[in-house]
Amino acid sequence: MPENTSPSTAQAARDAHFSPVVNRLSSEFSDVHHSSTVSRCVDAARHGAQDVTGRATPDLVERIARQHLQVLALAFAEQR
């Protein structure tokens, strides 16, 4: 699947609080997902946490993003 990065896509990677999250998850899912996919998932998790709970801590965002990336990995595995 082609990956494209846009300014909003890389937003999480530029935020100092979430860069370590992007780095950890990029490393963890390097064999399955492109780093831009990880960055988008972290950004989406951050916005979702903010909308639902009113705050987005790095720990919460990492847990949400990891779950999303695991589901995506399962979906990719089923397609093969």
C-alpha atoms as a PDB file:
ATOM      1  CA  MET A   1       0.000   0.000   0.000  1.00  0.00           C
ATOM      2  CA  PRO A   2       1.551   3.360  -0.968  1.00  0.00           C
ATOM      3  CA  GLU A   3       2.418   5.644   1.870  1.00  0.00           C
ATOM      4  CA  ASN A   4       2.241   9.382   1.617  1.00  0.00           C
ATOM      5  CA  THR A   5       3.160  11.856   4.250  1.00  0.00           C
ATOM      6  CA  SER A   6       1.434  15.146   4.703  1.00  0.00           C
ATOM      7  CA  PRO A   7       1.987  17.879   7.268  1.00  0.00           C
ATOM      8  CA  SER A   8      -0.840  16.516   9.424  1.00  0.00           C
ATOM      9  CA  THR A   9       0.429  12.950   9.077  1.00  0.00           C
ATOM     10  CA  ALA A  10       3.764  13.789  10.645  1.00  0.00           C
ATOM     11  CA  GLN A  11       2.210  15.916  13.403  1.00  0.00           C
ATOM     12  CA  ALA A  12       2.629  13.262  16.103  1.00  0.00           C
ATOM     13  CA  ALA A  13       6.234  12.653  15.141  1.00  0.00           C
ATOM     14  CA  ARG A  14       7.024  16.358  15.528  1.00  0.00           C
ATOM     15  CA  ASP A  15       5.395  16.661  18.951  1.00  0.00           C
ATOM     16  CA  ALA A  16       8.129  16.122  21.544  1.00  0.00           C
ATOM     17  CA  HIS A  17       5.746  14.265  23.878  1.00  0.00           C
ATOM     18  CA  PHE A  18       4.766  11.725  21.228  1.00  0.00           C
ATOM     19  CA  SER A  19       8.037  11.248  19.326  1.00  0.00           C
ATOM     20  CA  PRO A  20       9.153   8.460  21.688  1.00  0.00           C
ATOM     21  CA  VAL A  21       5.793   6.750  21.171  1.00  0.00           C
ATOM     22  CA  VAL A  22       6.182   6.923  17.390  1.00  0.00           C
ATOM     23  CA  ASN A  23       9.762   5.648  17.663  1.00  0.00           C
ATOM     24  CA  ARG A  24       8.839   2.694  19.920  1.00  0.00           C
ATOM     25  CA  LEU A  25       5.878   1.645  17.812  1.00  0.00           C
ATOM     26  CA  SER A  26       7.791   2.115  14.555  1.00  0.00           C
ATOM     27  CA  SER A  27      10.438  -0.242  15.880  1.00  0.00           C
ATOM     28  CA  GLU A  28       7.901  -2.721  17.226  1.00  0.00           C
ATOM     29  CA  PHE A  29       5.924  -2.854  13.965  1.00  0.00           C
ATOM     30  CA  SER A  30       8.794  -2.299  11.510  1.00  0.00           C
ATOM     31  CA  ASP A  31       8.211  -5.659   9.837  1.00  0.00           C
ATOM     32  CA  VAL A  32       4.518  -4.907   9.245  1.00  0.00           C
ATOM     33  CA  HIS A  33       3.871  -1.169   8.970  1.00  0.00           C
ATOM     34  CA  HIS A  34       5.654   1.748   7.372  1.00  0.00           C
ATOM     35  CA  SER A  35       6.680   4.480   9.796  1.00  0.00           C
ATOM     36  CA  SER A  36       4.182   6.893   8.228  1.00  0.00           C
ATOM     37  CA  THR A  37       1.365   4.451   9.070  1.00  0.00           C
ATOM     38  CA  VAL A  38       2.571   4.339  12.671  1.00  0.00           C
ATOM     39  CA  SER A  39       2.739   8.131  12.794  1.00  0.00           C
ATOM     40  CA  ARG A  40      -0.828   8.420  11.475  1.00  0.00           C
ATOM     41  CA  CYS A  41      -2.086   5.881  14.039  1.00  0.00           C
ATOM     42  CA  VAL A  42      -0.397   7.763  16.874  1.00  0.00           C
ATOM     43  CA  ASP A  43      -1.875  11.030  15.653  1.00  0.00           C
ATOM     44  CA  ALA A  44      -5.352   9.483  15.350  1.00  0.00           C
ATOM     45  CA  ALA A  45      -5.037   7.913  18.806  1.00  0.00           C
ATOM     46  CA  ARG A  46      -3.993  11.260  20.253  1.00  0.00           C
ATOM     47  CA  HIS A  47      -6.977  13.041  18.739  1.00  0.00           C
ATOM     48  CA  GLY A  48      -9.348  10.242  19.775  1.00  0.00           C
ATOM     49  CA  ALA A  49      -8.107  10.266  23.359  1.00  0.00           C
ATOM     50  CA  GLN A  50      -8.413  14.033  23.477  1.00  0.00           C
ATOM     51  CA  ASP A  51     -11.982  13.894  22.149  1.00  0.00           C
ATOM     52  CA  VAL A  52     -13.133  11.114  24.493  1.00  0.00           C
ATOM     53  CA  THR A  53     -11.295  11.858  27.735  1.00  0.00           C
ATOM     54  CA  GLY A  54     -10.301  15.480  27.337  1.00  0.00           C
ATOM     55  CA  ARG A  55      -6.607  14.613  27.595  1.00  0.00           C
ATOM     56  CA  ALA A  56      -4.061  12.588  25.673  1.00  0.00           C
ATOM     57  CA  THR A  57      -1.172  11.288  27.734  1.00  0.00           C
ATOM     58  CA  PRO A  58       1.646   9.546  25.879  1.00  0.00           C
ATOM     59  CA  ASP A  59       0.909   6.266  27.736  1.00  0.00           C
ATOM     60  CA  LEU A  60      -2.748   6.272  26.753  1.00  0.00           C
ATOM     61  CA  VAL A  61      -1.973   7.263  23.168  1.00  0.00           C
ATOM     62  CA  GLU A  62       0.620   4.484  22.900  1.00  0.00           C
ATOM     63  CA  ARG A  63      -1.833   1.843  24.144  1.00  0.00           C
ATOM     64  CA  ILE A  64      -4.548   2.979  21.726  1.00  0.00           C
ATOM     65  CA  ALA A  65      -2.173   3.221  18.767  1.00  0.00           C
ATOM     66  CA  ARG A  66      -0.651  -0.203  19.525  1.00  0.00           C
ATOM     67  CA  GLN A  67      -4.108  -1.793  19.518  1.00  0.00           C
ATOM     68  CA  HIS A  68      -4.932  -0.161  16.186  1.00  0.00           C
ATOM     69  CA  LEU A  69      -1.630  -1.289  14.674  1.00  0.00           C
ATOM     70  CA  GLN A  70      -2.196  -4.848  15.917  1.00  0.00           C
ATOM     71  CA  VAL A  71      -5.637  -4.928  14.298  1.00  0.00           C
ATOM     72  CA  LEU A  72      -4.186  -3.602  11.040  1.00  0.00           C
ATOM     73  CA  ALA A  73      -1.456  -6.251  11.173  1.00  0.00           C
ATOM     74  CA  LEU A  74      -4.076  -8.981  11.614  1.00  0.00           C
ATOM     75  CA  ALA A  75      -6.082  -7.635   8.692  1.00  0.00           C
ATOM     76  CA  PHE A  76      -2.973  -7.597   6.488  1.00  0.00           C
ATOM     77  CA  ALA A  77      -2.130 -11.172   7.536  1.00  0.00           C
ATOM     78  CA  GLU A  78      -5.628 -12.364   6.605  1.00  0.00           C
ATOM     79  CA  GLN A  79      -5.277 -10.872   3.118  1.00  0.00           C
ATOM     80  CA  ARG A  80      -2.162 -12.933   2.368  1.00  0.00           C
END
